[in-house]
Amino acid sequence: MLTKYEYKEKFDHIFQLFSSGLIFIDDKGIILDLNSYAEKILQIQKIDFIGKNGDHLWSMLNNTVEVKKRLIEKLINEDYLDTHVELNTLEREYKYIHVLISKQRESGLYLVEITDETEKVYMKKRLDQSESLRTLGQLAAGIAHEIRNPMTSLKGFTQLLNQNATEDAKRYLNVITDEINKMEDILTQFLHLSKPSKSQFVFLNIEDIVFEVVNFMAPQALLKSIKLVVTSSIDKGCQVYGDSQLLKQVFINAIKNGIEAMPNGGNIDIKISSIRGSFVSISISDQGCGIEDEHIKKIFQPFFTTKSTGTGLGLSHVYKVIEEHGGNIEVRSIVGKGTTFEFILPCQYSL
């Protein structure tokens, strides 16, 4: 039987040139070696991990303690594990990784093979979302004419009836008018999602945008005993190329959702930070009820909502805006503790 070091030497040339990330871990959980692809995928330095316990890598997984425990138990019982995980790298980049772990009979070592499937996952999300929005656009175009004309007529007749109506009748007519206005608002949201927006992109100071939104939302938050806490560590000169009004709508929507999720008050933390020099992160974290895991995958789909009075169009619009700005959205949530929406946008530096 080969020793762990003889086994590693035997396959060293394959190990270093393999097209996936490879990591050798001994039966005590100590990291023996990892190839350059593993360093690249995990965005780590080999020297910082060799000789340390595999828990240092395990802690990077964006899973709950219960899920991690279950995966370890499966590996111990079967000497094999094939799973997909969400990874939070040391440089705060989220990745979707395919992990294959097998125990090598000749040496007793665990060989961990990791493959970065982030682009594949993001591409599928974009395709799914684009298909949903395209379907919504076709629907909106078809119903706009059919619904708007009758609504205009209804609104006109209620105004005429209101002139000679009794006080009781006026109350009923006001309710009808309010409901017609709501229908018009929903139809307008339809059309905003389906039509290419006439955006005016310029270079923006994202800090100014965020603080303007916070000042706008502060009174509404105060009424609900909620404090908006802003921290910024953005690199100087960082500018986002975008439409200020559209981005304000995004942040207003996120803060508004946070306020609605916190009936007992608390804090909403808003953090602005630079990521890897060429991106800026705006994360908005509430202390609300949280979102179920099965719902997180659906929240950007048109019409999906967990609110009794929601239309399910707000977050679809948010997704469309961030996509138009070349950015990504990450959502993390723990039921009963709160939710974080992180908006990641490309930035450039002024000279």
Protein backbone atom coordinates (compact mmCIF):
# COMPACT_ATOMS: atom_id res chain seq x y z
CA MET A 1 0.00 0.00 0.00
CA LEU A 2 1.36 3.39 -0.98
CA THR A 3 1.96 5.99 1.70
CA LYS A 4 0.09 9.25 1.37
CA TYR A 5 3.23 11.00 0.12
CA GLU A 6 4.13 8.25 -2.38
CA TYR A 7 0.58 8.37 -3.69
CA LYS A 8 0.73 12.14 -4.11
CA GLU A 9 4.10 12.00 -5.88
CA LYS A 10 2.87 9.30 -8.24
CA PHE A 11 0.07 11.51 -9.52
CA ASP A 12 1.71 14.90 -9.02
CA HIS A 13 1.97 15.80 -12.72
CA ILE A 14 -1.70 14.94 -13.28
CA PHE A 15 -2.60 16.73 -10.06
CA GLN A 16 -1.05 20.03 -11.10
CA LEU A 17 -2.33 20.03 -14.70
CA PHE A 18 -5.83 18.72 -14.05
CA SER A 19 -8.57 20.95 -15.48
CA SER A 20 -10.54 21.04 -12.21
CA GLY A 21 -9.54 22.07 -8.72
CA LEU A 22 -8.05 19.18 -6.74
CA ILE A 23 -7.36 18.99 -3.00
CA PHE A 24 -5.73 16.18 -1.02
CA ILE A 25 -6.90 15.76 2.60
CA ASP A 26 -5.69 13.01 4.92
CA ASP A 27 -7.84 10.79 7.14
CA LYS A 28 -7.41 13.25 10.03
CA GLY A 29 -8.83 16.11 8.00
CA ILE A 30 -5.50 17.87 7.35
CA ILE A 31 -5.04 19.58 3.97
CA LEU A 32 -1.94 18.13 2.28
CA ASP A 33 -1.97 19.91 -1.06
CA LEU A 34 -4.13 21.68 -3.62
CA ASN A 35 -3.47 22.50 -7.24
CA SER A 36 -3.45 25.89 -8.95
CA TYR A 37 -7.01 25.48 -10.25
CA ALA A 38 -8.29 25.01 -6.69
CA GLU A 39 -6.47 28.21 -5.67
CA LYS A 40 -8.09 30.05 -8.56
CA ILE A 41 -11.62 28.77 -7.92
CA LEU A 42 -11.50 29.33 -4.17
CA GLN A 43 -9.46 32.55 -4.52
CA ILE A 44 -7.00 31.45 -1.85
CA GLN A 45 -3.25 30.98 -1.48
CA LYS A 46 -2.04 27.41 -1.07
CA ILE A 47 0.53 28.41 1.56
CA ASP A 48 -2.27 29.66 3.85
CA PHE A 49 -4.06 26.29 3.92
CA ILE A 50 -1.45 23.53 3.67
CA GLY A 51 -1.18 21.71 7.01
CA LYS A 52 -4.42 23.16 8.35
CA ASN A 53 -7.68 21.37 9.07
CA GLY A 54 -10.18 21.05 6.26
CA ASP A 55 -12.69 22.99 8.40
CA HIS A 56 -11.00 26.14 7.08
CA LEU A 57 -12.36 25.27 3.62
CA TRP A 58 -15.64 23.88 4.96
CA SER A 59 -16.39 27.19 6.67
CA MET A 60 -16.43 28.91 3.27
CA LEU A 61 -19.58 27.03 2.29
CA ASN A 62 -22.68 29.18 2.44
CA ASN A 63 -24.75 26.43 4.07
CA THR A 64 -26.32 26.03 7.50
CA VAL A 65 -24.60 24.03 10.24
CA GLU A 66 -27.22 21.30 9.84
CA VAL A 67 -26.55 20.93 6.10
CA LYS A 68 -22.77 20.81 6.62
CA LYS A 69 -23.18 18.17 9.34
CA ARG A 70 -25.37 16.06 7.08
CA LEU A 71 -22.83 16.24 4.24
CA ILE A 72 -19.98 15.18 6.55
CA GLU A 73 -22.01 12.24 7.88
CA LYS A 74 -22.75 11.10 4.33
CA LEU A 75 -19.04 11.29 3.42
CA ILE A 76 -17.99 9.30 6.52
CA ASN A 77 -20.60 6.61 5.95
CA GLU A 78 -20.10 6.19 2.21
CA ASP A 79 -16.51 7.42 1.61
CA TYR A 80 -18.02 9.39 -1.26
CA LEU A 81 -19.86 12.67 -1.70
CA ASP A 82 -21.26 14.33 -4.82
CA THR A 83 -22.98 17.65 -4.16
CA HIS A 84 -23.44 21.25 -5.30
CA VAL A 85 -22.68 24.02 -2.84
CA GLU A 86 -22.73 27.80 -2.69
CA LEU A 87 -19.34 29.19 -1.78
CA ASN A 88 -18.46 32.52 -0.18
CA THR A 89 -14.82 33.15 -1.07
CA LEU A 90 -12.44 35.13 1.11
CA GLU A 91 -12.77 37.97 -1.42
CA ARG A 92 -16.56 38.06 -0.84
CA GLU A 93 -17.42 36.58 -4.22
CA TYR A 94 -20.27 34.06 -4.35
CA LYS A 95 -19.72 30.99 -6.46
CA TYR A 96 -21.66 27.84 -7.25
CA ILE A 97 -19.36 24.84 -6.97
CA HIS A 98 -19.74 21.17 -7.87
CA VAL A 99 -17.89 19.14 -5.23
CA LEU A 100 -16.89 15.49 -5.64
CA ILE A 101 -15.10 13.85 -2.69
CA SER A 102 -13.83 10.26 -2.75
CA LYS A 103 -11.62 8.22 -0.44
CA GLN A 104 -8.66 6.68 -2.26
CA ARG A 105 -8.23 3.00 -1.31
CA GLU A 106 -4.50 2.89 -2.02
CA SER A 107 -3.60 5.69 0.36
CA GLY A 108 -6.60 6.38 2.56
CA LEU A 109 -6.52 10.01 1.39
CA TYR A 110 -9.58 12.01 0.48
CA LEU A 111 -9.44 13.53 -2.97
CA VAL A 112 -11.66 16.60 -3.38
CA GLU A 113 -12.48 17.66 -6.94
CA ILE A 114 -14.14 21.06 -7.35
CA THR A 115 -15.59 22.58 -10.50
CA ASP A 116 -16.75 26.18 -10.82
CA GLU A 117 -20.28 26.20 -12.27
CA THR A 118 -21.02 29.83 -11.42
CA GLU A 119 -21.32 31.02 -15.02
CA LYS A 120 -23.56 28.10 -15.88
CA VAL A 121 -25.88 28.84 -12.94
CA TYR A 122 -26.00 32.58 -13.65
CA MET A 123 -26.65 31.93 -17.33
CA LYS A 124 -29.55 29.62 -16.49
CA LYS A 125 -30.98 32.22 -14.10
CA ARG A 126 -30.72 34.90 -16.77
CA LEU A 127 -32.33 32.69 -19.40
CA ASP A 128 -35.16 31.71 -17.06
CA GLN A 129 -35.73 35.32 -16.03
CA SER A 130 -35.52 36.59 -19.62
CA GLU A 131 -38.05 34.00 -20.71
CA SER A 132 -40.40 35.06 -17.90
CA LEU A 133 -40.04 38.73 -18.80
CA ARG A 134 -40.52 38.01 -22.50
CA THR A 135 -43.73 36.13 -21.73
CA LEU A 136 -44.82 38.99 -19.50
CA GLY A 137 -44.10 41.48 -22.29
CA GLN A 138 -46.23 39.56 -24.76
CA LEU A 139 -49.02 39.38 -22.20
CA ALA A 140 -48.76 43.09 -21.39
CA ALA A 141 -48.85 44.13 -25.04
CA GLY A 142 -51.90 41.98 -25.62
CA ILE A 143 -53.98 43.19 -22.69
CA ALA A 144 -52.98 46.87 -22.57
CA HIS A 145 -55.46 47.95 -25.24
CA GLU A 146 -58.19 45.53 -24.10
CA ILE A 147 -58.11 46.71 -20.48
CA ARG A 148 -57.15 50.38 -20.63
CA ASN A 149 -60.05 51.52 -22.80
CA PRO A 150 -62.78 49.96 -20.60
CA MET A 151 -61.06 51.30 -17.48
CA THR A 152 -61.03 54.81 -18.91
CA SER A 153 -64.77 54.53 -19.61
CA LEU A 154 -65.47 53.21 -16.11
CA LYS A 155 -63.49 56.04 -14.56
CA GLY A 156 -65.40 58.61 -16.59
CA PHE A 157 -68.82 57.20 -15.64
CA THR A 158 -67.94 57.07 -11.93
CA GLN A 159 -66.98 60.75 -12.08
CA LEU A 160 -70.34 61.60 -13.71
CA LEU A 161 -72.31 59.54 -11.20
CA ASN A 162 -70.43 61.15 -8.35
CA GLN A 163 -71.88 64.60 -9.22
CA ASN A 164 -75.47 63.66 -8.22
CA ALA A 165 -74.84 60.76 -5.86
CA THR A 166 -75.86 60.53 -2.20
CA GLU A 167 -73.18 60.46 0.49
CA ASP A 168 -73.43 56.64 0.77
CA ALA A 169 -73.23 56.26 -2.99
CA LYS A 170 -70.18 58.57 -3.14
CA ARG A 171 -68.35 56.33 -0.66
CA TYR A 172 -68.99 53.33 -2.90
CA LEU A 173 -67.97 55.25 -6.00
CA ASN A 174 -64.73 56.33 -4.30
CA VAL A 175 -63.96 52.68 -3.56
CA ILE A 176 -64.58 51.82 -7.23
CA THR A 177 -62.30 54.68 -8.34
CA ASP A 178 -59.53 53.52 -5.97
CA GLU A 179 -59.75 49.98 -7.34
CA ILE A 180 -59.59 51.25 -10.93
CA ASN A 181 -56.46 53.27 -10.03
CA LYS A 182 -54.86 50.13 -8.57
CA MET A 183 -55.60 48.24 -11.78
CA GLU A 184 -54.00 51.04 -13.80
CA ASP A 185 -50.90 50.93 -11.57
CA ILE A 186 -50.54 47.20 -12.12
CA LEU A 187 -50.90 47.64 -15.87
CA THR A 188 -48.27 50.39 -15.82
CA GLN A 189 -45.87 48.03 -14.01
CA PHE A 190 -46.60 45.43 -16.69
CA LEU A 191 -45.61 47.83 -19.42
CA HIS A 192 -42.47 49.03 -17.61
CA LEU A 193 -41.27 45.43 -17.41
CA SER A 194 -42.09 44.55 -20.99
CA LYS A 195 -40.85 47.64 -22.83
CA PRO A 196 -37.19 48.56 -23.25
CA SER A 197 -36.67 51.43 -20.83
CA LYS A 198 -35.36 54.74 -22.14
CA SER A 199 -32.59 54.92 -19.59
CA GLN A 200 -30.21 57.83 -19.31
CA PHE A 201 -26.89 56.35 -18.26
CA VAL A 202 -24.24 58.62 -16.79
CA PHE A 203 -21.41 58.16 -14.32
CA LEU A 204 -22.83 58.27 -10.78
CA ASN A 205 -21.54 58.46 -7.25
CA ILE A 206 -23.32 55.45 -5.77
CA GLU A 207 -22.89 56.77 -2.21
CA ASP A 208 -24.91 59.87 -3.12
CA ILE A 209 -27.67 57.71 -4.61
CA VAL A 210 -27.90 55.48 -1.53
CA PHE A 211 -27.89 58.37 0.97
CA GLU A 212 -30.59 60.16 -1.03
CA VAL A 213 -32.77 57.05 -0.88
CA VAL A 214 -32.10 56.59 2.85
CA ASN A 215 -33.10 60.19 3.58
CA PHE A 216 -36.26 59.68 1.53
CA MET A 217 -37.20 56.44 3.32
CA ALA A 218 -36.19 57.54 6.86
CA PRO A 219 -39.58 59.04 7.83
CA GLN A 220 -41.42 55.89 6.75
CA ALA A 221 -38.94 53.76 8.70
CA LEU A 222 -39.25 55.97 11.77
CA LEU A 223 -43.03 55.46 11.85
CA LYS A 224 -42.38 51.71 12.15
CA SER A 225 -39.66 52.15 14.85
CA ILE A 226 -36.98 51.16 12.37
CA LYS A 227 -33.54 52.75 12.15
CA LEU A 228 -31.68 52.88 8.85
CA VAL A 229 -27.95 52.38 9.54
CA VAL A 230 -25.53 53.18 6.70
CA THR A 231 -21.84 52.28 6.59
CA SER A 232 -19.55 52.85 3.63
CA SER A 233 -16.04 51.63 2.84
CA ILE A 234 -16.13 52.29 -0.88
CA ASP A 235 -12.87 53.12 -2.67
CA LYS A 236 -12.48 56.79 -3.54
CA GLY A 237 -13.27 57.69 -7.12
CA CYS A 238 -15.48 54.64 -7.70
CA GLN A 239 -18.30 55.51 -10.09
CA VAL A 240 -21.18 53.44 -11.42
CA TYR A 241 -22.37 53.94 -14.98
CA GLY A 242 -26.14 53.91 -14.71
CA ASP A 243 -29.51 55.60 -14.49
CA SER A 244 -29.98 57.31 -11.12
CA GLN A 245 -33.79 57.09 -11.12
CA LEU A 246 -33.81 53.37 -11.88
CA LEU A 247 -31.21 52.61 -9.22
CA LYS A 248 -33.14 54.68 -6.68
CA GLN A 249 -36.22 52.55 -7.44
CA VAL A 250 -34.19 49.42 -6.75
CA PHE A 251 -32.94 50.59 -3.34
CA ILE A 252 -36.33 52.04 -2.37
CA ASN A 253 -37.93 48.69 -3.16
CA ALA A 254 -35.37 46.78 -1.07
CA ILE A 255 -35.70 49.10 1.94
CA LYS A 256 -39.50 49.14 1.64
CA ASN A 257 -39.56 45.32 1.65
CA GLY A 258 -37.34 45.34 4.74
CA ILE A 259 -39.64 47.77 6.55
CA GLU A 260 -42.70 45.64 5.73
CA ALA A 261 -40.92 42.53 7.03
CA MET A 262 -40.23 44.16 10.45
CA PRO A 263 -43.55 44.90 12.19
CA ASN A 264 -41.78 45.01 15.58
CA GLY A 265 -39.11 47.51 14.54
CA GLY A 266 -35.33 47.10 14.58
CA ASN A 267 -32.47 48.07 12.28
CA ILE A 268 -31.97 47.90 8.54
CA ASP A 269 -28.23 47.85 7.82
CA ILE A 270 -27.10 49.30 4.51
CA LYS A 271 -23.46 48.67 3.61
CA ILE A 272 -21.58 50.06 0.63
CA SER A 273 -18.23 48.46 -0.14
CA SER A 274 -15.78 47.78 -2.95
CA ILE A 275 -15.22 44.24 -4.23
CA ARG A 276 -12.07 43.22 -6.04
CA GLY A 277 -11.52 46.77 -7.18
CA SER A 278 -13.88 46.72 -10.17
CA PHE A 279 -17.23 46.15 -8.45
CA VAL A 280 -19.25 47.86 -5.76
CA SER A 281 -21.59 46.08 -3.36
CA ILE A 282 -24.71 47.62 -1.83
CA SER A 283 -26.16 45.24 0.73
CA ILE A 284 -29.46 45.90 2.51
CA SER A 285 -30.09 43.66 5.54
CA ASP A 286 -33.27 43.61 7.59
CA GLN A 287 -34.14 41.86 10.86
CA GLY A 288 -37.47 40.61 9.62
CA CYS A 289 -39.24 37.30 9.24
CA GLY A 290 -36.91 35.96 6.54
CA ILE A 291 -37.72 34.04 3.35
CA GLU A 292 -38.18 30.29 3.03
CA ASP A 293 -35.50 28.55 0.94
CA GLU A 294 -38.05 27.33 -1.60
CA HIS A 295 -39.31 30.90 -2.09
CA ILE A 296 -35.89 32.51 -2.65
CA LYS A 297 -35.58 30.81 -6.04
CA LYS A 298 -38.90 32.33 -7.14
CA ILE A 299 -38.88 35.87 -5.76
CA PHE A 300 -37.71 37.47 -9.02
CA GLN A 301 -40.36 35.72 -11.10
CA PRO A 302 -43.24 37.95 -12.27
CA PHE A 303 -46.39 37.59 -10.13
CA PHE A 304 -44.71 35.59 -7.37
CA THR A 305 -45.36 37.14 -3.96
CA THR A 306 -45.83 36.02 -0.37
CA LYS A 307 -47.70 39.22 0.49
CA SER A 308 -51.50 39.22 0.65
CA THR A 309 -51.65 42.59 -1.14
CA GLY A 310 -48.58 42.33 -3.39
CA THR A 311 -48.60 42.18 -7.19
CA GLY A 312 -45.35 40.19 -7.48
CA LEU A 313 -43.92 42.68 -9.98
CA GLY A 314 -41.62 44.80 -7.79
CA LEU A 315 -38.67 42.40 -7.58
CA SER A 316 -39.05 41.47 -11.27
CA HIS A 317 -38.48 45.14 -12.05
CA VAL A 318 -35.50 45.23 -9.64
CA TYR A 319 -33.95 42.23 -11.41
CA LYS A 320 -34.43 43.84 -14.82
CA VAL A 321 -32.80 47.11 -13.71
CA ILE A 322 -29.75 45.44 -12.16
CA GLU A 323 -29.34 43.23 -15.22
CA GLU A 324 -29.46 46.33 -17.48
CA HIS A 325 -26.64 47.79 -15.36
CA GLY A 326 -24.48 44.70 -15.85
CA GLY A 327 -24.82 43.67 -12.22
CA ASN A 328 -25.93 40.72 -10.10
CA ILE A 329 -28.21 40.26 -7.10
CA GLU A 330 -27.43 37.89 -4.23
CA VAL A 331 -30.11 37.03 -1.68
CA ARG A 332 -29.38 35.45 1.71
CA SER A 333 -32.07 34.79 4.27
CA ILE A 334 -32.63 32.98 7.55
CA VAL A 335 -36.23 32.44 8.58
CA GLY A 336 -36.97 34.33 11.78
CA LYS A 337 -33.74 36.38 11.60
CA GLY A 338 -33.82 38.43 8.44
CA THR A 339 -32.88 38.84 4.79
CA THR A 340 -30.01 40.47 2.93
CA PHE A 341 -30.26 41.72 -0.65
CA GLU A 342 -26.82 42.42 -2.09
CA PHE A 343 -26.63 44.39 -5.31
CA ILE A 344 -23.27 44.04 -7.07
CA LEU A 345 -22.57 46.60 -9.78
CA PRO A 346 -19.52 47.22 -11.99
CA CYS A 347 -17.68 50.43 -11.20
CA GLN A 348 -15.03 52.55 -12.82
CA TYR A 349 -12.59 55.02 -11.35
CA SER A 350 -12.39 58.66 -12.25
CA LEU A 351 -8.94 60.00 -13.07
